Amino acid sequence: MKNLLNKHVPPHIFWPSFLLLIFGGMAGAILSIMVVGSNPFQVTNLGTINVAGEAQTQFHPGDVVVVRRQVCTDKGVTLTFYPGMRSGQGVLFALPVGASRFAQGCRETLYGFVLPAQILPGTYTYQNLVQYQTNWIGRDEANVYPPLTFEVVANDH
């Protein structure tokens, strides 16, 4: 085997190349650990409630919709969230952006917003994109929480 190796690849080329390959692979593995984060969230929709804390799925224009979720994290993380609601026709209504700090563990979260007075009746889907950092180099990552639907019904005149 030694003679075969010496005939095809001289030792002064083989060993530096071999060591470069080993150290390059180790550096690549370390860099990937630093760059690639993880999804620290497990989110369960608990439904929608009104301002009195009662379960409710149908709302009128001008009502406050409160979204209940259980959020579990496997590590402490600070996030910025970008909520919105989408109509059945695909129109996106942006909702106020916010930020939260989550410690490791599970907690119930509540996010309330007021339905516009001019909103049309129909089915709407609440969506929430969250942005956070869990990697060592500070690269932002994003995740979308599970969507939640609710109905808007016409006001009685």
C-alpha atoms as a PDB file:
ATOM      1  CA  MET A   1       0.000   0.000   0.000  1.00  0.00           C
ATOM      2  CA  LYS A   2       2.848   2.389   0.890  1.00  0.00           C
ATOM      3  CA  ASN A   3       4.546   1.769  -2.445  1.00  0.00           C
ATOM      4  CA  LEU A   4       1.288   2.259  -4.305  1.00  0.00           C
ATOM      5  CA  LEU A   5       0.665   5.594  -2.530  1.00  0.00           C
ATOM      6  CA  ASN A   6       4.226   6.798  -3.131  1.00  0.00           C
ATOM      7  CA  LYS A   7       3.990   5.937  -6.854  1.00  0.00           C
ATOM      8  CA  HIS A   8       0.778   7.960  -7.389  1.00  0.00           C
ATOM      9  CA  VAL A   9       0.890  10.834  -4.860  1.00  0.00           C
ATOM     10  CA  PRO A  10       4.210  12.069  -3.506  1.00  0.00           C
ATOM     11  CA  PRO A  11       4.236  12.399   0.321  1.00  0.00           C
ATOM     12  CA  HIS A  12       5.113  16.109   0.185  1.00  0.00           C
ATOM     13  CA  ILE A  13       1.780  16.665  -1.627  1.00  0.00           C
ATOM     14  CA  PHE A  14      -0.368  14.006   0.066  1.00  0.00           C
ATOM     15  CA  TRP A  15       0.160  14.931   3.731  1.00  0.00           C
ATOM     16  CA  PRO A  16      -0.368  18.716   3.417  1.00  0.00           C
ATOM     17  CA  SER A  17      -3.445  18.062   1.252  1.00  0.00           C
ATOM     18  CA  PHE A  18      -4.761  15.501   3.729  1.00  0.00           C
ATOM     19  CA  LEU A  19      -4.281  17.849   6.704  1.00  0.00           C
ATOM     20  CA  LEU A  20      -5.870  20.741   4.801  1.00  0.00           C
ATOM     21  CA  LEU A  21      -8.880  18.543   4.059  1.00  0.00           C
ATOM     22  CA  ILE A  22      -9.245  17.517   7.718  1.00  0.00           C
ATOM     23  CA  PHE A  23      -8.898  21.058   9.090  1.00  0.00           C
ATOM     24  CA  GLY A  24     -11.169  22.470   6.368  1.00  0.00           C
ATOM     25  CA  GLY A  25     -13.856  19.951   7.257  1.00  0.00           C
ATOM     26  CA  MET A  26     -13.600  20.793  10.956  1.00  0.00           C
ATOM     27  CA  ALA A  27     -13.784  24.537  10.211  1.00  0.00           C
ATOM     28  CA  GLY A  28     -16.854  23.962   8.012  1.00  0.00           C
ATOM     29  CA  ALA A  29     -18.571  21.975  10.756  1.00  0.00           C
ATOM     30  CA  ILE A  30     -17.872  24.676  13.360  1.00  0.00           C
ATOM     31  CA  LEU A  31     -19.056  27.432  11.011  1.00  0.00           C
ATOM     32  CA  SER A  32     -22.295  25.592  10.248  1.00  0.00           C
ATOM     33  CA  ILE A  33     -22.998  25.224  13.973  1.00  0.00           C
ATOM     34  CA  MET A  34     -22.471  28.969  14.429  1.00  0.00           C
ATOM     35  CA  VAL A  35     -24.584  30.022  11.443  1.00  0.00           C
ATOM     36  CA  VAL A  36     -27.471  27.573  11.596  1.00  0.00           C
ATOM     37  CA  GLY A  37     -29.850  28.317  14.448  1.00  0.00           C
ATOM     38  CA  SER A  38     -32.951  26.432  15.359  1.00  0.00           C
ATOM     39  CA  ASN A  39     -36.659  26.890  15.799  1.00  0.00           C
ATOM     40  CA  PRO A  40     -37.042  27.311  19.572  1.00  0.00           C
ATOM     41  CA  PHE A  41     -40.864  27.555  19.446  1.00  0.00           C
ATOM     42  CA  GLN A  42     -43.716  25.099  19.754  1.00  0.00           C
ATOM     43  CA  VAL A  43     -47.006  26.954  19.334  1.00  0.00           C
ATOM     44  CA  THR A  44     -50.535  25.709  19.981  1.00  0.00           C
ATOM     45  CA  ASN A  45     -53.586  27.771  19.060  1.00  0.00           C
ATOM     46  CA  LEU A  46     -56.072  27.983  21.944  1.00  0.00           C
ATOM     47  CA  GLY A  47     -58.662  30.020  20.029  1.00  0.00           C
ATOM     48  CA  THR A  48     -60.068  33.527  20.071  1.00  0.00           C
ATOM     49  CA  ILE A  49     -61.756  35.281  22.973  1.00  0.00           C
ATOM     50  CA  ASN A  50     -63.455  38.619  23.559  1.00  0.00           C
ATOM     51  CA  VAL A  51     -62.306  41.327  25.971  1.00  0.00           C
ATOM     52  CA  ALA A  52     -64.312  39.689  28.773  1.00  0.00           C
ATOM     53  CA  GLY A  53     -62.183  36.545  28.377  1.00  0.00           C
ATOM     54  CA  GLU A  54     -65.008  34.417  26.938  1.00  0.00           C
ATOM     55  CA  ALA A  55     -64.425  32.077  23.999  1.00  0.00           C
ATOM     56  CA  GLN A  56     -65.782  33.624  20.824  1.00  0.00           C
ATOM     57  CA  THR A  57     -65.336  32.934  17.096  1.00  0.00           C
ATOM     58  CA  GLN A  58     -67.722  35.512  15.596  1.00  0.00           C
ATOM     59  CA  PHE A  59     -66.977  39.221  15.940  1.00  0.00           C
ATOM     60  CA  HIS A  60     -68.514  42.475  14.714  1.00  0.00           C
ATOM     61  CA  PRO A  61     -66.699  45.424  13.129  1.00  0.00           C
ATOM     62  CA  GLY A  62     -65.241  47.504  15.975  1.00  0.00           C
ATOM     63  CA  ASP A  63     -64.931  44.504  18.343  1.00  0.00           C
ATOM     64  CA  VAL A  64     -61.688  43.523  20.026  1.00  0.00           C
ATOM     65  CA  VAL A  65     -60.410  40.088  18.971  1.00  0.00           C
ATOM     66  CA  VAL A  66     -58.000  38.419  21.392  1.00  0.00           C
ATOM     67  CA  VAL A  67     -55.868  35.555  20.065  1.00  0.00           C
ATOM     68  CA  ARG A  68     -54.918  32.924  22.680  1.00  0.00           C
ATOM     69  CA  ARG A  69     -51.913  30.693  22.150  1.00  0.00           C
ATOM     70  CA  GLN A  70     -49.668  28.484  24.196  1.00  0.00           C
ATOM     71  CA  VAL A  71     -46.045  29.168  23.325  1.00  0.00           C
ATOM     72  CA  CYS A  72     -43.260  26.877  24.521  1.00  0.00           C
ATOM     73  CA  THR A  73     -39.587  27.642  24.024  1.00  0.00           C
ATOM     74  CA  ASP A  74     -36.604  25.416  24.627  1.00  0.00           C
ATOM     75  CA  LYS A  75     -34.378  28.436  25.378  1.00  0.00           C
ATOM     76  CA  GLY A  76     -34.729  32.087  26.258  1.00  0.00           C
ATOM     77  CA  VAL A  77     -35.301  34.217  23.169  1.00  0.00           C
ATOM     78  CA  THR A  78     -36.349  37.752  22.259  1.00  0.00           C
ATOM     79  CA  LEU A  79     -38.535  38.094  19.212  1.00  0.00           C
ATOM     80  CA  THR A  80     -40.236  40.686  17.072  1.00  0.00           C
ATOM     81  CA  PHE A  81     -43.651  39.703  15.764  1.00  0.00           C
ATOM     82  CA  TYR A  82     -45.446  40.845  12.627  1.00  0.00           C
ATOM     83  CA  PRO A  83     -49.142  39.927  12.860  1.00  0.00           C
ATOM     84  CA  GLY A  84     -51.777  40.384  10.211  1.00  0.00           C
ATOM     85  CA  MET A  85     -55.188  39.130   9.218  1.00  0.00           C
ATOM     86  CA  ARG A  86     -56.065  37.972   5.728  1.00  0.00           C
ATOM     87  CA  SER A  87     -59.540  38.037   4.198  1.00  0.00           C
ATOM     88  CA  GLY A  88     -61.012  35.193   2.178  1.00  0.00           C
ATOM     89  CA  GLN A  89     -60.198  37.243  -0.941  1.00  0.00           C
ATOM     90  CA  GLY A  90     -56.509  37.385   0.070  1.00  0.00           C
ATOM     91  CA  VAL A  91     -56.393  41.001   1.293  1.00  0.00           C
ATOM     92  CA  LEU A  92     -53.803  41.388   4.061  1.00  0.00           C
ATOM     93  CA  PHE A  93     -54.624  43.762   6.926  1.00  0.00           C
ATOM     94  CA  ALA A  94     -51.425  44.587   8.797  1.00  0.00           C
ATOM     95  CA  LEU A  95     -51.719  44.701  12.586  1.00  0.00           C
ATOM     96  CA  PRO A  96     -49.435  46.471  15.078  1.00  0.00           C
ATOM     97  CA  VAL A  97     -45.914  45.036  15.334  1.00  0.00           C
ATOM     98  CA  GLY A  98     -44.542  44.149  18.771  1.00  0.00           C
ATOM     99  CA  ALA A  99     -41.689  42.501  20.634  1.00  0.00           C
ATOM    100  CA  SER A 100     -41.560  39.999  23.487  1.00  0.00           C
ATOM    101  CA  ARG A 101     -38.962  38.240  25.590  1.00  0.00           C
ATOM    102  CA  PHE A 102     -39.640  34.581  26.285  1.00  0.00           C
ATOM    103  CA  ALA A 103     -37.883  32.592  28.983  1.00  0.00           C
ATOM    104  CA  GLN A 104     -37.480  28.852  28.594  1.00  0.00           C
ATOM    105  CA  GLY A 105     -40.748  27.007  29.253  1.00  0.00           C
ATOM    106  CA  CYS A 106     -44.422  27.324  28.321  1.00  0.00           C
ATOM    107  CA  ARG A 107     -46.848  30.201  28.770  1.00  0.00           C
ATOM    108  CA  GLU A 108     -50.173  31.399  27.439  1.00  0.00           C
ATOM    109  CA  THR A 109     -49.978  34.483  25.240  1.00  0.00           C
ATOM    110  CA  LEU A 110     -52.775  36.933  24.447  1.00  0.00           C
ATOM    111  CA  TYR A 111     -52.707  39.369  21.535  1.00  0.00           C
ATOM    112  CA  GLY A 112     -55.644  41.726  21.085  1.00  0.00           C
ATOM    113  CA  PHE A 113     -56.550  43.969  18.179  1.00  0.00           C
ATOM    114  CA  VAL A 114     -59.554  46.059  17.162  1.00  0.00           C
ATOM    115  CA  LEU A 115     -61.430  45.141  13.998  1.00  0.00           C
ATOM    116  CA  PRO A 116     -61.786  48.171  11.702  1.00  0.00           C
ATOM    117  CA  ALA A 117     -65.289  49.685  11.681  1.00  0.00           C
ATOM    118  CA  GLN A 118     -65.462  49.348   7.868  1.00  0.00           C
ATOM    119  CA  ILE A 119     -64.344  45.704   7.675  1.00  0.00           C
ATOM    120  CA  LEU A 120     -66.571  43.506   5.542  1.00  0.00           C
ATOM    121  CA  PRO A 121     -68.227  40.374   6.927  1.00  0.00           C
ATOM    122  CA  GLY A 122     -66.462  37.116   6.136  1.00  0.00           C
ATOM    123  CA  THR A 123     -63.871  34.616   7.280  1.00  0.00           C
ATOM    124  CA  TYR A 124     -60.470  36.007   8.238  1.00  0.00           C
ATOM    125  CA  THR A 125     -57.225  34.240   9.035  1.00  0.00           C
ATOM    126  CA  TYR A 126     -54.932  35.623  11.724  1.00  0.00           C
ATOM    127  CA  GLN A 127     -51.275  35.119  10.785  1.00  0.00           C
ATOM    128  CA  ASN A 128     -48.135  35.887  12.750  1.00  0.00           C
ATOM    129  CA  LEU A 129     -44.550  35.895  11.508  1.00  0.00           C
ATOM    130  CA  VAL A 130     -41.899  36.050  14.231  1.00  0.00           C
ATOM    131  CA  GLN A 131     -38.265  37.066  13.797  1.00  0.00           C
ATOM    132  CA  TYR A 132     -35.563  36.051  16.279  1.00  0.00           C
ATOM    133  CA  GLN A 133     -31.886  35.087  16.673  1.00  0.00           C
ATOM    134  CA  THR A 134     -30.704  31.760  18.042  1.00  0.00           C
ATOM    135  CA  ASN A 135     -27.377  31.434  16.270  1.00  0.00           C
ATOM    136  CA  TRP A 136     -23.947  32.646  17.389  1.00  0.00           C
ATOM    137  CA  ILE A 137     -23.351  35.213  14.658  1.00  0.00           C
ATOM    138  CA  GLY A 138     -26.559  37.229  15.068  1.00  0.00           C
ATOM    139  CA  ARG A 139     -28.272  36.256  11.813  1.00  0.00           C
ATOM    140  CA  ASP A 140     -32.029  36.799  11.972  1.00  0.00           C
ATOM    141  CA  GLU A 141     -34.298  33.811  11.540  1.00  0.00           C
ATOM    142  CA  ALA A 142     -38.050  33.790  11.010  1.00  0.00           C
ATOM    143  CA  ASN A 143     -40.919  31.423  11.616  1.00  0.00           C
ATOM    144  CA  VAL A 144     -44.660  31.543  11.003  1.00  0.00           C
ATOM    145  CA  TYR A 145     -46.976  30.553  13.842  1.00  0.00           C
ATOM    146  CA  PRO A 146     -49.958  28.340  12.947  1.00  0.00           C
ATOM    147  CA  PRO A 147     -52.823  30.405  11.435  1.00  0.00           C
ATOM    148  CA  LEU A 148     -56.128  30.895  13.235  1.00  0.00           C
ATOM    149  CA  THR A 149     -59.488  31.703  11.606  1.00  0.00           C
ATOM    150  CA  PHE A 150     -62.435  33.733  12.890  1.00  0.00           C
ATOM    151  CA  GLU A 151     -65.622  35.221  11.446  1.00  0.00           C
ATOM    152  CA  VAL A 152     -66.657  38.831  11.096  1.00  0.00           C
ATOM    153  CA  VAL A 153     -70.446  39.262  10.993  1.00  0.00           C
ATOM    154  CA  ALA A 154     -72.397  42.376  10.079  1.00  0.00           C
ATOM    155  CA  ASN A 155     -73.504  44.773  12.810  1.00  0.00           C
ATOM    156  CA  ASP A 156     -77.230  44.776  13.501  1.00  0.00           C
ATOM    157  CA  HIS A 157     -78.705  48.164  12.607  1.00  0.00           C
END
